[in-house]
Amino acid sequence: MRYAVPVRGGLLSAHFGHCEAFAIFDVNDATGTIVGSEIVPSPGHQPGFLPGWLAEQGVSAIIAGGMGPRAVGLFEENRVHVVLGAPQDHPESIVQAYLAGELATGDNVCDH
């Protein structure tokens, strides 16, 4: 699986659409470990664009602090699992916590 985390300043960006880049992690499903990673610059915020673009990058799950309901729906249409309410932390730590079943999530921080 491929996991994406929106980042700004090296940490999770509170709103995925306004991030600088996406940290993308390749995970071995059998072992639940990260086997590769890359930072991909965001192509910019264009309403409705990022969910399909990330799906084209092979992303199967996105872990974010928040996003609007339209984006959530578009991710689901593209068969990308959405995890919201993640804390502002280093992307690799977030993915590792998620894989271990230890990621503490809160409310969707997006208000639109």
C-alpha atoms as a PDB file:
ATOM      1  CA  MET A   1       0.000   0.000   0.000  1.00  0.00           C
ATOM      2  CA  ARG A   2       0.982   3.614  -0.462  1.00  0.00           C
ATOM      3  CA  TYR A   3       0.189   6.161   2.232  1.00  0.00           C
ATOM      4  CA  ALA A   4       0.259   9.909   1.694  1.00  0.00           C
ATOM      5  CA  VAL A   5       0.633  12.580   4.367  1.00  0.00           C
ATOM      6  CA  PRO A   6       0.295  16.278   3.447  1.00  0.00           C
ATOM      7  CA  VAL A   7       3.242  18.268   4.799  1.00  0.00           C
ATOM      8  CA  ARG A   8       4.179  21.886   5.421  1.00  0.00           C
ATOM      9  CA  GLY A   9       7.461  22.761   7.073  1.00  0.00           C
ATOM     10  CA  GLY A  10       8.326  19.090   7.576  1.00  0.00           C
ATOM     11  CA  LEU A  11       5.210  18.332   9.648  1.00  0.00           C
ATOM     12  CA  LEU A  12       1.663  17.252   8.858  1.00  0.00           C
ATOM     13  CA  SER A  13      -0.218  20.160   7.297  1.00  0.00           C
ATOM     14  CA  ALA A  14      -3.487  20.864   9.122  1.00  0.00           C
ATOM     15  CA  HIS A  15      -5.402  21.062   5.823  1.00  0.00           C
ATOM     16  CA  PHE A  16      -4.265  18.744   3.074  1.00  0.00           C
ATOM     17  CA  GLY A  17      -5.213  21.102   0.218  1.00  0.00           C
ATOM     18  CA  HIS A  18      -2.820  23.805   1.388  1.00  0.00           C
ATOM     19  CA  CYS A  19       0.277  21.666   1.876  1.00  0.00           C
ATOM     20  CA  GLU A  20       3.673  22.223   0.265  1.00  0.00           C
ATOM     21  CA  ALA A  21       4.218  18.563  -0.544  1.00  0.00           C
ATOM     22  CA  PHE A  22       3.082  15.028   0.155  1.00  0.00           C
ATOM     23  CA  ALA A  23       5.212  12.517   2.017  1.00  0.00           C
ATOM     24  CA  ILE A  24       4.443   9.208   0.333  1.00  0.00           C
ATOM     25  CA  PHE A  25       5.305   5.928   2.019  1.00  0.00           C
ATOM     26  CA  ASP A  26       5.363   2.459   0.505  1.00  0.00           C
ATOM     27  CA  VAL A  27       4.336  -0.153   3.057  1.00  0.00           C
ATOM     28  CA  ASN A  28       4.816  -3.906   2.972  1.00  0.00           C
ATOM     29  CA  ASP A  29       1.329  -5.234   3.725  1.00  0.00           C
ATOM     30  CA  ALA A  30       2.618  -8.543   5.089  1.00  0.00           C
ATOM     31  CA  THR A  31       4.932  -6.995   7.676  1.00  0.00           C
ATOM     32  CA  GLY A  32       3.291  -3.602   8.174  1.00  0.00           C
ATOM     33  CA  THR A  33       6.621  -1.833   7.732  1.00  0.00           C
ATOM     34  CA  ILE A  34       7.663   1.152   5.648  1.00  0.00           C
ATOM     35  CA  VAL A  35       9.856  -0.021   2.770  1.00  0.00           C
ATOM     36  CA  GLY A  36      10.273   3.253   0.881  1.00  0.00           C
ATOM     37  CA  SER A  37       9.402   6.922   0.972  1.00  0.00           C
ATOM     38  CA  GLU A  38       9.554  10.066  -1.097  1.00  0.00           C
ATOM     39  CA  ILE A  39       8.525  13.706  -0.888  1.00  0.00           C
ATOM     40  CA  VAL A  40       6.422  14.806  -3.847  1.00  0.00           C
ATOM     41  CA  PRO A  41       5.766  18.539  -4.307  1.00  0.00           C
ATOM     42  CA  SER A  42       2.097  19.443  -4.341  1.00  0.00           C
ATOM     43  CA  PRO A  43       0.830  20.438  -7.786  1.00  0.00           C
ATOM     44  CA  GLY A  44      -1.146  23.175  -6.016  1.00  0.00           C
ATOM     45  CA  HIS A  45      -4.639  23.516  -4.635  1.00  0.00           C
ATOM     46  CA  GLN A  46      -7.260  23.225  -7.340  1.00  0.00           C
ATOM     47  CA  PRO A  47     -10.724  22.234  -6.080  1.00  0.00           C
ATOM     48  CA  GLY A  48     -11.364  18.555  -6.769  1.00  0.00           C
ATOM     49  CA  PHE A  49      -7.949  17.858  -8.331  1.00  0.00           C
ATOM     50  CA  LEU A  50      -5.767  16.384  -5.573  1.00  0.00           C
ATOM     51  CA  PRO A  51      -7.772  13.199  -4.804  1.00  0.00           C
ATOM     52  CA  GLY A  52      -7.523  11.957  -8.396  1.00  0.00           C
ATOM     53  CA  TRP A  53      -3.905  13.092  -8.714  1.00  0.00           C
ATOM     54  CA  LEU A  54      -2.887  11.194  -5.576  1.00  0.00           C
ATOM     55  CA  ALA A  55      -4.775   8.106  -6.780  1.00  0.00           C
ATOM     56  CA  GLU A  56      -2.757   8.337 -10.027  1.00  0.00           C
ATOM     57  CA  GLN A  57       0.410   8.327  -7.868  1.00  0.00           C
ATOM     58  CA  GLY A  58      -0.739   4.936  -6.544  1.00  0.00           C
ATOM     59  CA  VAL A  59      -1.805   6.243  -3.134  1.00  0.00           C
ATOM     60  CA  SER A  60      -4.242   3.892  -1.370  1.00  0.00           C
ATOM     61  CA  ALA A  61      -4.656   5.847   1.892  1.00  0.00           C
ATOM     62  CA  ILE A  62      -4.265   9.458   2.994  1.00  0.00           C
ATOM     63  CA  ILE A  63      -3.712  10.498   6.586  1.00  0.00           C
ATOM     64  CA  ALA A  64      -4.571  14.144   7.185  1.00  0.00           C
ATOM     65  CA  GLY A  65      -5.497  16.608   9.881  1.00  0.00           C
ATOM     66  CA  GLY A  66      -8.543  17.736   7.990  1.00  0.00           C
ATOM     67  CA  MET A  67     -10.275  18.146   4.665  1.00  0.00           C
ATOM     68  CA  GLY A  68     -13.642  19.173   3.335  1.00  0.00           C
ATOM     69  CA  PRO A  69     -16.442  16.691   2.676  1.00  0.00           C
ATOM     70  CA  ARG A  70     -16.167  17.053  -1.108  1.00  0.00           C
ATOM     71  CA  ALA A  71     -12.517  15.987  -1.005  1.00  0.00           C
ATOM     72  CA  VAL A  72     -13.367  13.035   1.243  1.00  0.00           C
ATOM     73  CA  GLY A  73     -16.014  11.941  -1.264  1.00  0.00           C
ATOM     74  CA  LEU A  74     -13.599  12.265  -4.183  1.00  0.00           C
ATOM     75  CA  PHE A  75     -10.983  10.196  -2.375  1.00  0.00           C
ATOM     76  CA  GLU A  76     -13.576   7.509  -1.685  1.00  0.00           C
ATOM     77  CA  GLU A  77     -14.628   7.539  -5.367  1.00  0.00           C
ATOM     78  CA  ASN A  78     -10.958   6.924  -6.225  1.00  0.00           C
ATOM     79  CA  ARG A  79     -10.789   4.064  -3.698  1.00  0.00           C
ATOM     80  CA  VAL A  80      -8.382   5.949  -1.424  1.00  0.00           C
ATOM     81  CA  HIS A  81      -8.973   5.343   2.300  1.00  0.00           C
ATOM     82  CA  VAL A  82      -9.201   8.595   4.315  1.00  0.00           C
ATOM     83  CA  VAL A  83      -7.977   8.993   7.908  1.00  0.00           C
ATOM     84  CA  LEU A  84      -8.742  12.401   9.441  1.00  0.00           C
ATOM     85  CA  GLY A  85      -7.854  14.142  12.690  1.00  0.00           C
ATOM     86  CA  ALA A  86      -4.179  13.150  12.692  1.00  0.00           C
ATOM     87  CA  PRO A  87      -1.926  15.265  14.926  1.00  0.00           C
ATOM     88  CA  GLN A  88       0.713  17.658  13.638  1.00  0.00           C
ATOM     89  CA  ASP A  89       3.817  15.483  13.741  1.00  0.00           C
ATOM     90  CA  HIS A  90       6.523  14.121  11.462  1.00  0.00           C
ATOM     91  CA  PRO A  91       4.944  12.183   8.576  1.00  0.00           C
ATOM     92  CA  GLU A  92       6.920   8.972   9.139  1.00  0.00           C
ATOM     93  CA  SER A  93       5.930   8.930  12.825  1.00  0.00           C
ATOM     94  CA  ILE A  94       2.284   9.350  11.825  1.00  0.00           C
ATOM     95  CA  VAL A  95       2.362   6.439   9.377  1.00  0.00           C
ATOM     96  CA  GLN A  96       4.245   4.200  11.828  1.00  0.00           C
ATOM     97  CA  ALA A  97       1.705   4.962  14.565  1.00  0.00           C
ATOM     98  CA  TYR A  98      -1.157   4.225  12.149  1.00  0.00           C
ATOM     99  CA  LEU A  99       0.384   0.914  11.107  1.00  0.00           C
ATOM    100  CA  ALA A 100       0.842  -0.049  14.774  1.00  0.00           C
ATOM    101  CA  GLY A 101      -2.789   0.826  15.512  1.00  0.00           C
ATOM    102  CA  GLU A 102      -1.620   3.580  17.848  1.00  0.00           C
ATOM    103  CA  LEU A 103      -2.445   6.760  15.912  1.00  0.00           C
ATOM    104  CA  ALA A 104      -4.533   9.021  18.126  1.00  0.00           C
ATOM    105  CA  THR A 105      -6.914  10.966  15.913  1.00  0.00           C
ATOM    106  CA  GLY A 106      -9.204  13.809  16.830  1.00  0.00           C
ATOM    107  CA  ASP A 107     -11.782  15.859  15.002  1.00  0.00           C
ATOM    108  CA  ASN A 108     -11.530  16.820  11.355  1.00  0.00           C
ATOM    109  CA  VAL A 109      -9.815  20.214  11.651  1.00  0.00           C
ATOM    110  CA  CYS A 110     -11.312  21.480   8.393  1.00  0.00           C
ATOM    111  CA  ASP A 111     -14.344  23.706   8.738  1.00  0.00           C
ATOM    112  CA  HIS A 112     -15.601  23.625   5.136  1.00  0.00           C
END
